[in-house]
Amino acid sequence: MNKVPFEPRLSKSGLCSDCGVVAILADNGNMKICPRCYGVLWSRDSEDHLRKKQAEATAAAARMAERRAFKTKLKAREEALKNKDVP
Protein backbone atom coordinates (compact mmCIF):
# COMPACT_ATOMS: atom_id res chain seq x y z
CA MET A 1 0.00 0.00 0.00
CA ASN A 2 1.37 3.41 -0.99
CA LYS A 3 1.34 6.06 1.67
CA VAL A 4 0.38 9.60 0.73
CA PRO A 5 3.04 12.03 1.90
CA PHE A 6 2.09 14.84 4.26
CA GLU A 7 1.40 18.18 2.63
CA PRO A 8 4.05 20.83 3.14
CA ARG A 9 3.41 23.35 5.89
CA LEU A 10 4.45 26.93 6.41
CA SER A 11 7.14 27.12 9.08
CA LYS A 12 7.31 29.91 11.66
CA SER A 13 10.09 31.54 9.63
CA GLY A 14 7.87 31.62 6.50
CA LEU A 15 9.60 28.75 4.69
CA CYS A 16 8.18 25.64 3.05
CA SER A 17 8.62 22.67 5.41
CA ASP A 18 9.68 20.38 2.53
CA CYS A 19 11.89 22.64 0.37
CA GLY A 20 13.02 25.35 2.77
CA VAL A 21 12.17 28.04 0.20
CA VAL A 22 10.48 31.34 1.09
CA ALA A 23 6.77 31.23 0.25
CA ILE A 24 5.20 33.65 -2.23
CA LEU A 25 1.77 35.23 -1.86
CA ALA A 26 -1.09 34.40 -4.22
CA ASP A 27 -4.79 35.25 -4.50
CA ASN A 28 -4.40 38.81 -3.18
CA GLY A 29 -2.43 37.59 -0.17
CA ASN A 30 -4.93 34.93 0.91
CA MET A 31 -2.68 31.97 0.05
CA LYS A 32 1.00 31.21 0.34
CA ILE A 33 2.60 28.98 -2.28
CA CYS A 34 6.03 27.34 -2.46
CA PRO A 35 7.66 28.36 -5.75
CA ARG A 36 9.73 25.14 -5.88
CA CYS A 37 7.23 22.35 -5.11
CA TYR A 38 4.07 24.42 -5.88
CA GLY A 39 2.51 23.34 -2.60
CA VAL A 40 -0.19 25.47 -1.02
CA LEU A 41 1.27 26.20 2.40
CA TRP A 42 -0.90 26.42 5.49
CA SER A 43 0.13 27.23 9.01
CA ARG A 44 -1.73 25.99 12.04
CA ASP A 45 -2.69 29.59 12.78
CA SER A 46 -4.37 30.01 9.40
CA GLU A 47 -6.34 26.79 9.87
CA ASP A 48 -7.63 28.04 13.22
CA HIS A 49 -8.45 31.38 11.65
CA LEU A 50 -10.42 29.66 8.88
CA ARG A 51 -12.35 27.56 11.42
CA LYS A 52 -13.23 30.67 13.45
CA LYS A 53 -14.29 32.52 10.31
CA GLN A 54 -16.52 29.61 9.28
CA ALA A 55 -18.06 29.44 12.77
CA GLU A 56 -18.79 33.19 12.66
CA ALA A 57 -20.42 32.81 9.24
CA THR A 58 -22.57 29.94 10.52
CA ALA A 59 -23.66 31.99 13.54
CA ALA A 60 -24.49 34.97 11.31
CA ALA A 61 -26.56 32.74 9.03
CA ALA A 62 -28.47 31.41 12.05
CA ARG A 63 -29.18 34.95 13.27
CA MET A 64 -30.44 35.93 9.80
CA ALA A 65 -32.72 32.88 9.71
CA GLU A 66 -34.15 33.84 13.12
CA ARG A 67 -34.77 37.40 11.89
CA ARG A 68 -36.53 36.16 8.77
CA ALA A 69 -38.75 33.87 10.85
CA PHE A 70 -39.58 36.73 13.22
CA LYS A 71 -40.43 39.07 10.32
CA THR A 72 -42.63 36.41 8.73
CA LYS A 73 -44.54 35.94 11.99
CA LEU A 74 -44.85 39.70 12.40
CA LYS A 75 -46.25 40.14 8.89
CA ALA A 76 -48.74 37.31 9.42
CA ARG A 77 -49.84 38.89 12.68
CA GLU A 78 -50.29 42.30 11.03
CA GLU A 79 -52.34 40.73 8.22
CA ALA A 80 -54.52 38.95 10.77
CA LEU A 81 -55.12 42.20 12.63
CA LYS A 82 -55.98 44.00 9.34
CA ASN A 83 -58.48 41.32 8.38
CA LYS A 84 -60.15 41.43 11.81
CA ASP A 85 -60.89 45.15 11.60
CA VAL A 86 -62.55 44.93 8.16
CA PRO A 87 -66.30 44.12 8.58
PDB file of N, CA and C in Angstrom:
ATOM      1  N   MET A   1       0.842  -1.158   0.000  1.00  0.00           N
ATOM      2  CA  MET A   1       0.000   0.000   0.000  1.00  0.00           C
ATOM      3  C   MET A   1       0.903   1.243   0.000  1.00  0.00           C
ATOM      4  N   ASN A   2       0.608   2.171  -0.924  1.00  0.00           N
ATOM      5  CA  ASN A   2       1.373   3.410  -0.994  1.00  0.00           C
ATOM      6  C   ASN A   2       0.825   4.408   0.020  1.00  0.00           C
ATOM      7  N   LYS A   3       1.754   5.045   0.704  1.00  0.00           N
ATOM      8  CA  LYS A   3       1.340   6.061   1.667  1.00  0.00           C
ATOM      9  C   LYS A   3       1.410   7.425   1.000  1.00  0.00           C
ATOM     10  N   VAL A   4       0.406   8.240   1.272  1.00  0.00           N
ATOM     11  CA  VAL A   4       0.378   9.595   0.729  1.00  0.00           C
ATOM     12  C   VAL A   4       1.252  10.469   1.636  1.00  0.00           C
ATOM     13  N   PRO A   5       2.194  11.194   1.054  1.00  0.00           N
ATOM     14  CA  PRO A   5       3.045  12.029   1.905  1.00  0.00           C
ATOM     15  C   PRO A   5       2.263  13.199   2.495  1.00  0.00           C
ATOM     16  N   PHE A   6       2.738  13.684   3.629  1.00  0.00           N
ATOM     17  CA  PHE A   6       2.090  14.839   4.259  1.00  0.00           C
ATOM     18  C   PHE A   6       2.282  16.067   3.386  1.00  0.00           C
ATOM     19  N   GLU A   7       1.300  16.943   3.396  1.00  0.00           N
ATOM     20  CA  GLU A   7       1.401  18.176   2.626  1.00  0.00           C
ATOM     21  C   GLU A   7       2.416  19.094   3.307  1.00  0.00           C
ATOM     22  N   PRO A   8       3.084  19.908   2.535  1.00  0.00           N
ATOM     23  CA  PRO A   8       4.046  20.831   3.144  1.00  0.00           C
ATOM     24  C   PRO A   8       3.320  21.890   3.960  1.00  0.00           C
ATOM     25  N   ARG A   9       3.977  22.331   5.005  1.00  0.00           N
ATOM     26  CA  ARG A   9       3.409  23.346   5.886  1.00  0.00           C
ATOM     27  C   ARG A   9       4.279  24.594   5.851  1.00  0.00           C
ATOM     28  N   LEU A  10       3.721  25.673   6.297  1.00  0.00           N
ATOM     29  CA  LEU A  10       4.446  26.930   6.407  1.00  0.00           C
ATOM     30  C   LEU A  10       5.106  26.967   7.777  1.00  0.00           C
ATOM     31  N   SER A  11       6.428  27.085   7.805  1.00  0.00           N
ATOM     32  CA  SER A  11       7.135  27.123   9.082  1.00  0.00           C
ATOM     33  C   SER A  11       6.995  28.505   9.710  1.00  0.00           C
ATOM     34  N   LYS A  12       7.405  28.626  10.955  1.00  0.00           N
ATOM     35  CA  LYS A  12       7.313  29.907  11.656  1.00  0.00           C
ATOM     36  C   LYS A  12       8.147  30.979  10.975  1.00  0.00           C
ATOM     37  N   SER A  13       9.218  30.571  10.308  1.00  0.00           N
ATOM     38  CA  SER A  13      10.086  31.542   9.632  1.00  0.00           C
ATOM     39  C   SER A  13       9.588  31.883   8.231  1.00  0.00           C
ATOM     40  N   GLY A  14       8.447  31.321   7.805  1.00  0.00           N
ATOM     41  CA  GLY A  14       7.866  31.625   6.498  1.00  0.00           C
ATOM     42  C   GLY A  14       8.421  30.781   5.372  1.00  0.00           C
ATOM     43  N   LEU A  15       9.022  29.631   5.701  1.00  0.00           N
ATOM     44  CA  LEU A  15       9.600  28.747   4.690  1.00  0.00           C
ATOM     45  C   LEU A  15       8.730  27.515   4.501  1.00  0.00           C
ATOM     46  N   CYS A  16       8.850  26.906   3.323  1.00  0.00           N
ATOM     47  CA  CYS A  16       8.178  25.635   3.046  1.00  0.00           C
ATOM     48  C   CYS A  16       8.835  24.554   3.892  1.00  0.00           C
ATOM     49  N   SER A  17       8.057  23.712   4.545  1.00  0.00           N
ATOM     50  CA  SER A  17       8.616  22.670   5.411  1.00  0.00           C
ATOM     51  C   SER A  17       9.358  21.597   4.618  1.00  0.00           C
ATOM     52  N   ASP A  18       9.003  21.384   3.352  1.00  0.00           N
ATOM     53  CA  ASP A  18       9.684  20.382   2.527  1.00  0.00           C
ATOM     54  C   ASP A  18      10.930  20.933   1.850  1.00  0.00           C
ATOM     55  N   CYS A  19      10.818  22.093   1.212  1.00  0.00           N
ATOM     56  CA  CYS A  19      11.893  22.637   0.373  1.00  0.00           C
ATOM     57  C   CYS A  19      12.785  23.639   1.098  1.00  0.00           C
ATOM     58  N   GLY A  20      12.259  24.323   2.089  1.00  0.00           N
ATOM     59  CA  GLY A  20      13.020  25.352   2.774  1.00  0.00           C
ATOM     60  C   GLY A  20      13.109  26.649   1.981  1.00  0.00           C
ATOM     61  N   VAL A  21      12.180  26.848   1.043  1.00  0.00           N
ATOM     62  CA  VAL A  21      12.170  28.035   0.195  1.00  0.00           C
ATOM     63  C   VAL A  21      11.140  29.023   0.750  1.00  0.00           C
ATOM     64  N   VAL A  22      11.411  30.309   0.618  1.00  0.00           N
ATOM     65  CA  VAL A  22      10.482  31.339   1.088  1.00  0.00           C
ATOM     66  C   VAL A  22       9.202  31.284   0.250  1.00  0.00           C
ATOM     67  N   ALA A  23       8.072  31.303   0.924  1.00  0.00           N
ATOM     68  CA  ALA A  23       6.768  31.225   0.251  1.00  0.00           C
ATOM     69  C   ALA A  23       6.446  32.543  -0.437  1.00  0.00           C
ATOM     70  N   ILE A  24       5.678  32.450  -1.529  1.00  0.00           N
ATOM     71  CA  ILE A  24       5.202  33.645  -2.232  1.00  0.00           C
ATOM     72  C   ILE A  24       3.696  33.765  -2.000  1.00  0.00           C
ATOM     73  N   LEU A  25       3.197  34.986  -2.068  1.00  0.00           N
ATOM     74  CA  LEU A  25       1.775  35.226  -1.857  1.00  0.00           C
ATOM     75  C   LEU A  25       1.000  35.076  -3.161  1.00  0.00           C
ATOM     76  N   ALA A  26      -0.199  34.547  -3.066  1.00  0.00           N
ATOM     77  CA  ALA A  26      -1.086  34.401  -4.222  1.00  0.00           C
ATOM     78  C   ALA A  26      -2.500  34.751  -3.793  1.00  0.00           C
ATOM     79  N   ASP A  27      -3.368  34.966  -4.755  1.00  0.00           N
ATOM     80  CA  ASP A  27      -4.786  35.249  -4.503  1.00  0.00           C
ATOM     81  C   ASP A  27      -4.950  36.442  -3.568  1.00  0.00           C
ATOM     82  N   ASN A  28      -4.323  37.554  -3.951  1.00  0.00           N
ATOM     83  CA  ASN A  28      -4.398  38.807  -3.185  1.00  0.00           C
ATOM     84  C   ASN A  28      -3.955  38.635  -1.737  1.00  0.00           C
ATOM     85  N   GLY A  29      -2.970  37.778  -1.512  1.00  0.00           N
ATOM     86  CA  GLY A  29      -2.426  37.591  -0.169  1.00  0.00           C
ATOM     87  C   GLY A  29      -3.171  36.593   0.679  1.00  0.00           C
ATOM     88  N   ASN A  30      -4.156  35.906   0.144  1.00  0.00           N
ATOM     89  CA  ASN A  30      -4.931  34.932   0.913  1.00  0.00           C
ATOM     90  C   ASN A  30      -4.252  33.573   1.004  1.00  0.00           C
ATOM     91  N   MET A  31      -3.359  33.265   0.060  1.00  0.00           N
ATOM     92  CA  MET A  31      -2.682  31.969   0.048  1.00  0.00           C
ATOM     93  C   MET A  31      -1.183  32.182  -0.053  1.00  0.00           C
ATOM     94  N   LYS A  32      -0.451  31.208   0.490  1.00  0.00           N
ATOM     95  CA  LYS A  32       0.996  31.206   0.344  1.00  0.00           C
ATOM     96  C   LYS A  32       1.374  29.940  -0.396  1.00  0.00           C
ATOM     97  N   ILE A  33       2.239  30.096  -1.408  1.00  0.00           N
ATOM     98  CA  ILE A  33       2.600  28.980  -2.280  1.00  0.00           C
ATOM     99  C   ILE A  33       4.118  28.834  -2.308  1.00  0.00           C
ATOM    100  N   CYS A  34       4.590  27.604  -2.320  1.00  0.00           N
ATOM    101  CA  CYS A  34       6.026  27.337  -2.462  1.00  0.00           C
ATOM    102  C   CYS A  34       6.369  27.402  -3.941  1.00  0.00           C
ATOM    103  N   PRO A  35       7.326  28.245  -4.335  1.00  0.00           N
ATOM    104  CA  PRO A  35       7.660  28.355  -5.751  1.00  0.00           C
ATOM    105  C   PRO A  35       8.423  27.142  -6.301  1.00  0.00           C
ATOM    106  N   ARG A  36       8.967  26.307  -5.414  1.00  0.00           N
ATOM    107  CA  ARG A  36       9.726  25.138  -5.885  1.00  0.00           C
ATOM    108  C   ARG A  36       8.830  23.909  -6.058  1.00  0.00           C
ATOM    109  N   CYS A  37       8.058  23.568  -5.024  1.00  0.00           N
ATOM    110  CA  CYS A  37       7.228  22.353  -5.107  1.00  0.00           C
ATOM    111  C   CYS A  37       5.778  22.671  -5.432  1.00  0.00           C
ATOM    112  N   TYR A  38       5.421  23.956  -5.545  1.00  0.00           N
ATOM    113  CA  TYR A  38       4.068  24.416  -5.878  1.00  0.00           C
ATOM    114  C   TYR A  38       3.023  23.947  -4.869  1.00  0.00           C
ATOM    115  N   GLY A  39       3.442  23.740  -3.644  1.00  0.00           N
ATOM    116  CA  GLY A  39       2.510  23.344  -2.598  1.00  0.00           C
ATOM    117  C   GLY A  39       1.815  24.570  -2.012  1.00  0.00           C
ATOM    118  N   VAL A  40       0.537  24.406  -1.713  1.00  0.00           N
ATOM    119  CA  VAL A  40      -0.186  25.466  -1.017  1.00  0.00           C
ATOM    120  C   VAL A  40       0.142  25.290   0.458  1.00  0.00           C
ATOM    121  N   LEU A  41       0.759  26.306   1.039  1.00  0.00           N
ATOM    122  CA  LEU A  41       1.266  26.198   2.401  1.00  0.00           C
ATOM    123  C   LEU A  41       0.270  26.769   3.399  1.00  0.00           C
ATOM    124  N   TRP A  42       0.002  26.001   4.430  1.00  0.00           N
ATOM    125  CA  TRP A  42      -0.897  26.418   5.495  1.00  0.00           C
ATOM    126  C   TRP A  42      -0.138  26.365   6.794  1.00  0.00           C
ATOM    127  N   SER A  43      -0.407  27.301   7.663  1.00  0.00           N
ATOM    128  CA  SER A  43       0.128  27.227   9.013  1.00  0.00           C
ATOM    129  C   SER A  43      -1.013  26.846   9.933  1.00  0.00           C
ATOM    130  N   ARG A  44      -0.676  26.384  11.090  1.00  0.00           N
ATOM    131  CA  ARG A  44      -1.726  25.994  12.036  1.00  0.00           C
ATOM    132  C   ARG A  44      -2.573  27.209  12.409  1.00  0.00           C
ATOM    133  N   ASP A  45      -1.951  28.376  12.462  1.00  0.00           N
ATOM    134  CA  ASP A  45      -2.694  29.592  12.781  1.00  0.00           C
ATOM    135  C   ASP A  45      -3.751  29.885  11.732  1.00  0.00           C
ATOM    136  N   SER A  46      -3.399  29.704  10.455  1.00  0.00           N
ATOM    137  CA  SER A  46      -4.370  30.007   9.399  1.00  0.00           C
ATOM    138  C   SER A  46      -5.527  29.017   9.412  1.00  0.00           C
ATOM    139  N   GLU A  47      -5.252  27.764   9.777  1.00  0.00           N
ATOM    140  CA  GLU A  47      -6.336  26.785   9.868  1.00  0.00           C
ATOM    141  C   GLU A  47      -7.302  27.166  10.989  1.00  0.00           C
ATOM    142  N   ASP A  48      -6.763  27.598  12.125  1.00  0.00           N
ATOM    143  CA  ASP A  48      -7.625  28.042  13.224  1.00  0.00           C
ATOM    144  C   ASP A  48      -8.425  29.264  12.814  1.00  0.00           C
ATOM    145  N   HIS A  49      -7.773  30.173  12.115  1.00  0.00           N
ATOM    146  CA  HIS A  49      -8.448  31.382  11.645  1.00  0.00           C
ATOM    147  C   HIS A  49      -9.601  31.025  10.711  1.00  0.00           C
ATOM    148  N   LEU A  50      -9.371  30.075   9.807  1.00  0.00           N
ATOM    149  CA  LEU A  50     -10.424  29.665   8.880  1.00  0.00           C
ATOM    150  C   LEU A  50     -11.587  29.016   9.618  1.00  0.00           C
ATOM    151  N   ARG A  51     -11.283  28.195  10.638  1.00  0.00           N
ATOM    152  CA  ARG A  51     -12.352  27.562  11.418  1.00  0.00           C
ATOM    153  C   ARG A  51     -13.186  28.615  12.149  1.00  0.00           C
ATOM    154  N   LYS A  52     -12.509  29.608  12.740  1.00  0.00           N
ATOM    155  CA  LYS A  52     -13.226  30.670  13.447  1.00  0.00           C
ATOM    156  C   LYS A  52     -14.091  31.471  12.488  1.00  0.00           C
ATOM    157  N   LYS A  53     -13.545  31.754  11.306  1.00  0.00           N
ATOM    158  CA  LYS A  53     -14.290  32.517  10.311  1.00  0.00           C
ATOM    159  C   LYS A  53     -15.531  31.750   9.865  1.00  0.00           C
ATOM    160  N   GLN A  54     -15.379  30.438   9.688  1.00  0.00           N
ATOM    161  CA  GLN A  54     -16.515  29.614   9.276  1.00  0.00           C
ATOM    162  C   GLN A  54     -17.563  29.548  10.393  1.00  0.00           C
ATOM    163  N   ALA A  55     -17.124  29.467  11.653  1.00  0.00           N
ATOM    164  CA  ALA A  55     -18.065  29.439  12.774  1.00  0.00           C
ATOM    165  C   ALA A  55     -18.820  30.763  12.874  1.00  0.00           C
ATOM    166  N   GLU A  56     -18.128  31.882  12.640  1.00  0.00           N
ATOM    167  CA  GLU A  56     -18.790  33.185  12.658  1.00  0.00           C
ATOM    168  C   GLU A  56     -19.824  33.292  11.540  1.00  0.00           C
ATOM    169  N   ALA A  57     -19.485  32.767  10.369  1.00  0.00           N
ATOM    170  CA  ALA A  57     -20.422  32.807   9.242  1.00  0.00           C
ATOM    171  C   ALA A  57     -21.652  31.951   9.539  1.00  0.00           C
ATOM    172  N   THR A  58     -21.453  30.807  10.162  1.00  0.00           N
ATOM    173  CA  THR A  58     -22.572  29.938  10.519  1.00  0.00           C
ATOM    174  C   THR A  58     -23.479  30.624  11.543  1.00  0.00           C
ATOM    175  N   ALA A  59     -22.873  31.281  12.534  1.00  0.00           N
ATOM    176  CA  ALA A  59     -23.657  31.990  13.543  1.00  0.00           C
ATOM    177  C   ALA A  59     -24.429  33.145  12.910  1.00  0.00           C
ATOM    178  N   ALA A  60     -23.809  33.861  11.991  1.00  0.00           N
ATOM    179  CA  ALA A  60     -24.491  34.972  11.315  1.00  0.00           C
ATOM    180  C   ALA A  60     -25.662  34.456  10.487  1.00  0.00           C
ATOM    181  N   ALA A  61     -25.482  33.320   9.821  1.00  0.00           N
ATOM    182  CA  ALA A  61     -26.564  32.738   9.028  1.00  0.00           C
ATOM    183  C   ALA A  61     -27.730  32.319   9.936  1.00  0.00           C
ATOM    184  N   ALA A  62     -27.416  31.801  11.114  1.00  0.00           N
ATOM    185  CA  ALA A  62     -28.470  31.407  12.052  1.00  0.00           C
ATOM    186  C   ALA A  62     -29.236  32.632  12.541  1.00  0.00           C
ATOM    187  N   ARG A  63     -28.498  33.722  12.829  1.00  0.00           N
ATOM    188  CA  ARG A  63     -29.177  34.953  13.267  1.00  0.00           C
ATOM    189  C   ARG A  63     -30.088  35.484  12.165  1.00  0.00           C
ATOM    190  N   MET A  64     -29.626  35.446  10.927  1.00  0.00           N
ATOM    191  CA  MET A  64     -30.442  35.926   9.805  1.00  0.00           C
ATOM    192  C   MET A  64     -31.694  35.064   9.643  1.00  0.00           C
ATOM    193  N   ALA A  65     -31.557  33.762   9.820  1.00  0.00           N
ATOM    194  CA  ALA A  65     -32.722  32.877   9.714  1.00  0.00           C
ATOM    195  C   ALA A  65     -33.737  33.192  10.812  1.00  0.00           C
ATOM    196  N   GLU A  66     -33.248  33.473  12.032  1.00  0.00           N
ATOM    197  CA  GLU A  66     -34.147  33.841  13.121  1.00  0.00           C
ATOM    198  C   GLU A  66     -34.869  35.153  12.811  1.00  0.00           C
ATOM    199  N   ARG A  67     -34.147  36.116  12.251  1.00  0.00           N
ATOM    200  CA  ARG A  67     -34.766  37.399  11.894  1.00  0.00           C
ATOM    201  C   ARG A  67     -35.840  37.219  10.832  1.00  0.00           C
ATOM    202  N   ARG A  68     -35.536  36.401   9.823  1.00  0.00           N
ATOM    203  CA  ARG A  68     -36.531  36.157   8.768  1.00  0.00           C
ATOM    204  C   ARG A  68     -37.782  35.513   9.346  1.00  0.00           C
ATOM    205  N   ALA A  69     -37.605  34.538  10.239  1.00  0.00           N
ATOM    206  CA  ALA A  69     -38.754  33.868  10.849  1.00  0.00           C
ATOM    207  C   ALA A  69     -39.572  34.857  11.674  1.00  0.00           C
ATOM    208  N   PHE A  70     -38.886  35.726  12.411  1.00  0.00           N
ATOM    209  CA  PHE A  70     -39.584  36.730  13.216  1.00  0.00           C
ATOM    210  C   PHE A  70     -40.364  37.685  12.326  1.00  0.00           C
ATOM    211  N   LYS A  71     -39.747  38.150  11.232  1.00  0.00           N
ATOM    212  CA  LYS A  71     -40.433  39.069  10.318  1.00  0.00           C
ATOM    213  C   LYS A  71     -41.632  38.401   9.666  1.00  0.00           C
ATOM    214  N   THR A  72     -41.515  37.140   9.323  1.00  0.00           N
ATOM    215  CA  THR A  72     -42.629  36.410   8.726  1.00  0.00           C
ATOM    216  C   THR A  72     -43.797  36.323   9.706  1.00  0.00           C
ATOM    217  N   LYS A  73     -43.486  36.006  10.975  1.00  0.00           N
ATOM    218  CA  LYS A  73     -44.537  35.941  11.990  1.00  0.00           C
ATOM    219  C   LYS A  73     -45.182  37.305  12.200  1.00  0.00           C
ATOM    220  N   LEU A  74     -44.353  38.339  12.207  1.00  0.00           N
ATOM    221  CA  LEU A  74     -44.848  39.698  12.405  1.00  0.00           C
ATOM    222  C   LEU A  74     -45.781  40.115  11.271  1.00  0.00           C
ATOM    223  N   LYS A  75     -45.401  39.799  10.031  1.00  0.00           N
ATOM    224  CA  LYS A  75     -46.255  40.139   8.886  1.00  0.00           C
ATOM    225  C   LYS A  75     -47.570  39.373   8.939  1.00  0.00           C
ATOM    226  N   ALA A  76     -47.526  38.113   9.312  1.00  0.00           N
ATOM    227  CA  ALA A  76     -48.744  37.309   9.418  1.00  0.00           C
ATOM    228  C   ALA A  76     -49.658  37.874  10.507  1.00  0.00           C
ATOM    229  N   ARG A  77     -49.060  38.309  11.588  1.00  0.00           N
ATOM    230  CA  ARG A  77     -49.836  38.891  12.679  1.00  0.00           C
ATOM    231  C   ARG A  77     -50.494  40.199  12.245  1.00  0.00           C
ATOM    232  N   GLU A  78     -49.740  41.039  11.529  1.00  0.00           N
ATOM    233  CA  GLU A  78     -50.294  42.304  11.032  1.00  0.00           C
ATOM    234  C   GLU A  78     -51.437  42.051  10.053  1.00  0.00           C
ATOM    235  N   GLU A  79     -51.274  41.078   9.175  1.00  0.00           N
ATOM    236  CA  GLU A  79     -52.343  40.728   8.221  1.00  0.00           C
ATOM    237  C   GLU A  79     -53.586  40.244   8.958  1.00  0.00           C
ATOM    238  N   ALA A  80     -53.385  39.461  10.001  1.00  0.00           N
ATOM    239  CA  ALA A  80     -54.524  38.945  10.773  1.00  0.00           C
ATOM    240  C   ALA A  80     -55.249  40.089  11.454  1.00  0.00           C
ATOM    241  N   LEU A  81     -54.489  41.038  11.985  1.00  0.00           N
ATOM    242  CA  LEU A  81     -55.124  42.196  12.625  1.00  0.00           C
ATOM    243  C   LEU A  81     -55.851  43.060  11.614  1.00  0.00           C
ATOM    244  N   LYS A  82     -55.314  43.207  10.406  1.00  0.00           N
ATOM    245  CA  LYS A  82     -55.985  43.999   9.343  1.00  0.00           C
ATOM    246  C   LYS A  82     -57.295  43.341   8.960  1.00  0.00           C
ATOM    247  N   ASN A  83     -57.286  42.054   8.804  1.00  0.00           N
ATOM    248  CA  ASN A  83     -58.480  41.323   8.378  1.00  0.00           C
ATOM    249  C   ASN A  83     -59.558  41.313   9.459  1.00  0.00           C
ATOM    250  N   LYS A  84     -59.174  41.389  10.731  1.00  0.00           N
ATOM    251  CA  LYS A  84     -60.154  41.427  11.810  1.00  0.00           C
ATOM    252  C   LYS A  84     -60.926  42.737  11.817  1.00  0.00           C
ATOM    253  N   ASP A  85     -60.258  43.839  11.538  1.00  0.00           N
ATOM    254  CA  ASP A  85     -60.889  45.154  11.595  1.00  0.00           C
ATOM    255  C   ASP A  85     -61.866  45.388  10.440  1.00  0.00           C
ATOM    256  N   VAL A  86     -61.665  44.719   9.332  1.00  0.00           N
ATOM    257  CA  VAL A  86     -62.545  44.930   8.162  1.00  0.00           C
ATOM    258  C   VAL A  86     -63.841  44.147   8.397  1.00  0.00           C
ATOM    259  N   PRO A  87     -65.022  44.836   8.351  1.00  0.00           N
ATOM    260  CA  PRO A  87     -66.305  44.122   8.577  1.00  0.00           C
ATOM    261  C   PRO A  87     -66.715  43.293   7.368  1.00  0.00           C
TER     262      PRO A  87
END
